[in-house]
Amino acid sequence: SLRGRYRLRLRYLFGVAQPGRFWRAFGSGDFFVKLAGEEGLQREQFRVTLGLERSFSRLWRFRAQITWQQEEVFFVPGESTEDVFFRFRVFQNF
């Protein structure tokens, strides 16, 4: 399959009192268009994500985000789906 994508990201860093410790707010918007594949069906998908990240040290971070996603099939009215995802991550930088 062949898919086109356009993405817009925004990030804001704040609360940097000590090196390696900060808060980060972020948001992104994605637009996908499936151009080929799946027996010629064309699909479009929108995705909006908002989140907050906290760095506890240079190595450990916590991230919470919420994503809303909508997918539609061209030329098929009423064939759209909407999903909401919550994602929580604790990760280590190397």
C-alpha atoms as a PDB file:
ATOM      1  CA  SER A   1       0.000   0.000   0.000  1.00  0.00           C
ATOM      2  CA  LEU A   2       1.025   3.623  -0.532  1.00  0.00           C
ATOM      3  CA  ARG A   3       0.168   6.304   2.014  1.00  0.00           C
ATOM      4  CA  GLY A   4       0.703  10.083   2.159  1.00  0.00           C
ATOM      5  CA  ARG A   5       1.221  11.858   5.480  1.00  0.00           C
ATOM      6  CA  TYR A   6       1.298  15.445   6.733  1.00  0.00           C
ATOM      7  CA  ARG A   7       2.274  16.196  10.362  1.00  0.00           C
ATOM      8  CA  LEU A   8       2.351  19.371  12.449  1.00  0.00           C
ATOM      9  CA  ARG A   9       4.051  19.254  15.876  1.00  0.00           C
ATOM     10  CA  LEU A  10       4.239  21.812  18.669  1.00  0.00           C
ATOM     11  CA  ARG A  11       6.352  21.523  21.828  1.00  0.00           C
ATOM     12  CA  TYR A  12       6.788  23.835  24.789  1.00  0.00           C
ATOM     13  CA  LEU A  13       9.483  23.283  27.417  1.00  0.00           C
ATOM     14  CA  PHE A  14       9.022  24.863  30.856  1.00  0.00           C
ATOM     15  CA  GLY A  15      10.032  24.509  34.505  1.00  0.00           C
ATOM     16  CA  VAL A  16      13.745  24.005  33.791  1.00  0.00           C
ATOM     17  CA  ALA A  17      15.130  24.689  37.278  1.00  0.00           C
ATOM     18  CA  GLN A  18      17.877  22.051  37.216  1.00  0.00           C
ATOM     19  CA  PRO A  19      19.737  20.477  34.299  1.00  0.00           C
ATOM     20  CA  GLY A  20      17.889  17.392  33.067  1.00  0.00           C
ATOM     21  CA  ARG A  21      14.647  18.164  34.975  1.00  0.00           C
ATOM     22  CA  PHE A  22      11.802  19.778  33.078  1.00  0.00           C
ATOM     23  CA  TRP A  23       8.162  19.688  32.026  1.00  0.00           C
ATOM     24  CA  ARG A  24       7.172  19.532  28.351  1.00  0.00           C
ATOM     25  CA  ALA A  25       3.722  20.071  26.865  1.00  0.00           C
ATOM     26  CA  PHE A  26       3.225  18.862  23.318  1.00  0.00           C
ATOM     27  CA  GLY A  27       0.605  18.490  20.651  1.00  0.00           C
ATOM     28  CA  SER A  28       0.518  17.124  17.139  1.00  0.00           C
ATOM     29  CA  GLY A  29      -1.882  16.787  14.266  1.00  0.00           C
ATOM     30  CA  ASP A  30      -1.527  14.125  11.570  1.00  0.00           C
ATOM     31  CA  PHE A  31      -3.363  13.676   8.292  1.00  0.00           C
ATOM     32  CA  PHE A  32      -2.983  10.411   6.338  1.00  0.00           C
ATOM     33  CA  VAL A  33      -4.299   9.494   2.892  1.00  0.00           C
ATOM     34  CA  LYS A  34      -4.030   5.935   1.668  1.00  0.00           C
ATOM     35  CA  LEU A  35      -3.427   6.175  -2.057  1.00  0.00           C
ATOM     36  CA  ALA A  36      -3.208   2.528  -3.112  1.00  0.00           C
ATOM     37  CA  GLY A  37      -3.849  -0.912  -1.668  1.00  0.00           C
ATOM     38  CA  GLU A  38      -6.783  -2.752  -0.083  1.00  0.00           C
ATOM     39  CA  GLU A  39      -8.505  -3.449  -3.404  1.00  0.00           C
ATOM     40  CA  GLY A  40      -8.527   0.195  -4.501  1.00  0.00           C
ATOM     41  CA  LEU A  41     -10.259   1.639  -1.425  1.00  0.00           C
ATOM     42  CA  GLN A  42      -9.035   5.116  -0.551  1.00  0.00           C
ATOM     43  CA  ARG A  43      -8.990   6.041   3.100  1.00  0.00           C
ATOM     44  CA  GLU A  44      -8.244   9.226   4.978  1.00  0.00           C
ATOM     45  CA  GLN A  45      -7.322   9.469   8.633  1.00  0.00           C
ATOM     46  CA  PHE A  46      -7.025  12.381  11.055  1.00  0.00           C
ATOM     47  CA  ARG A  47      -5.183  12.141  14.359  1.00  0.00           C
ATOM     48  CA  VAL A  48      -4.808  14.760  17.129  1.00  0.00           C
ATOM     49  CA  THR A  49      -2.535  14.137  20.128  1.00  0.00           C
ATOM     50  CA  LEU A  50      -2.063  16.196  23.308  1.00  0.00           C
ATOM     51  CA  GLY A  51       0.330  15.289  26.085  1.00  0.00           C
ATOM     52  CA  LEU A  52       2.516  16.200  29.019  1.00  0.00           C
ATOM     53  CA  GLU A  53       6.013  14.897  29.749  1.00  0.00           C
ATOM     54  CA  ARG A  54       8.042  15.135  32.958  1.00  0.00           C
ATOM     55  CA  SER A  55      11.763  14.490  33.234  1.00  0.00           C
ATOM     56  CA  PHE A  56      12.827  13.366  36.713  1.00  0.00           C
ATOM     57  CA  SER A  57      16.533  13.166  35.893  1.00  0.00           C
ATOM     58  CA  ARG A  58      18.748  12.904  32.840  1.00  0.00           C
ATOM     59  CA  LEU A  59      17.793   9.220  32.566  1.00  0.00           C
ATOM     60  CA  TRP A  60      14.092   8.858  33.548  1.00  0.00           C
ATOM     61  CA  ARG A  61      10.966  10.394  31.990  1.00  0.00           C
ATOM     62  CA  PHE A  62       7.210   9.978  32.346  1.00  0.00           C
ATOM     63  CA  ARG A  63       4.779  10.814  29.515  1.00  0.00           C
ATOM     64  CA  ALA A  64       0.969  10.914  29.474  1.00  0.00           C
ATOM     65  CA  GLN A  65      -0.920  11.565  26.256  1.00  0.00           C
ATOM     66  CA  ILE A  66      -4.383  11.351  24.757  1.00  0.00           C
ATOM     67  CA  THR A  67      -5.043  10.779  21.059  1.00  0.00           C
ATOM     68  CA  TRP A  68      -8.263  11.193  19.085  1.00  0.00           C
ATOM     69  CA  GLN A  69      -8.382   9.477  15.703  1.00  0.00           C
ATOM     70  CA  GLN A  70     -10.974   9.430  12.925  1.00  0.00           C
ATOM     71  CA  GLU A  71     -10.844   7.279   9.796  1.00  0.00           C
ATOM     72  CA  GLU A  72     -13.113   7.523   6.744  1.00  0.00           C
ATOM     73  CA  VAL A  73     -13.426   5.550   3.523  1.00  0.00           C
ATOM     74  CA  PHE A  74     -13.904   7.712   0.403  1.00  0.00           C
ATOM     75  CA  PHE A  75     -17.224   7.312  -1.439  1.00  0.00           C
ATOM     76  CA  VAL A  76     -18.782   5.205   1.351  1.00  0.00           C
ATOM     77  CA  PRO A  77     -21.065   7.418   3.468  1.00  0.00           C
ATOM     78  CA  GLY A  78     -21.408   6.424   7.103  1.00  0.00           C
ATOM     79  CA  GLU A  79     -18.248   4.296   7.068  1.00  0.00           C
ATOM     80  CA  SER A  80     -16.227   6.291   9.574  1.00  0.00           C
ATOM     81  CA  THR A  81     -14.709   5.205  12.858  1.00  0.00           C
ATOM     82  CA  GLU A  82     -13.510   7.287  15.794  1.00  0.00           C
ATOM     83  CA  ASP A  83     -11.143   6.126  18.527  1.00  0.00           C
ATOM     84  CA  VAL A  84      -9.634   7.673  21.649  1.00  0.00           C
ATOM     85  CA  PHE A  85      -6.354   6.342  23.031  1.00  0.00           C
ATOM     86  CA  PHE A  86      -4.741   7.021  26.414  1.00  0.00           C
ATOM     87  CA  ARG A  87      -1.044   6.287  26.651  1.00  0.00           C
ATOM     88  CA  PHE A  88       1.168   6.372  29.758  1.00  0.00           C
ATOM     89  CA  ARG A  89       4.885   5.706  29.455  1.00  0.00           C
ATOM     90  CA  VAL A  90       7.851   5.590  31.795  1.00  0.00           C
ATOM     91  CA  PHE A  91      11.089   5.320  29.886  1.00  0.00           C
ATOM     92  CA  GLN A  92      14.820   5.582  30.316  1.00  0.00           C
ATOM     93  CA  ASN A  93      17.188   7.536  28.091  1.00  0.00           C
ATOM     94  CA  PHE A  94      20.485   5.941  27.173  1.00  0.00           C
END
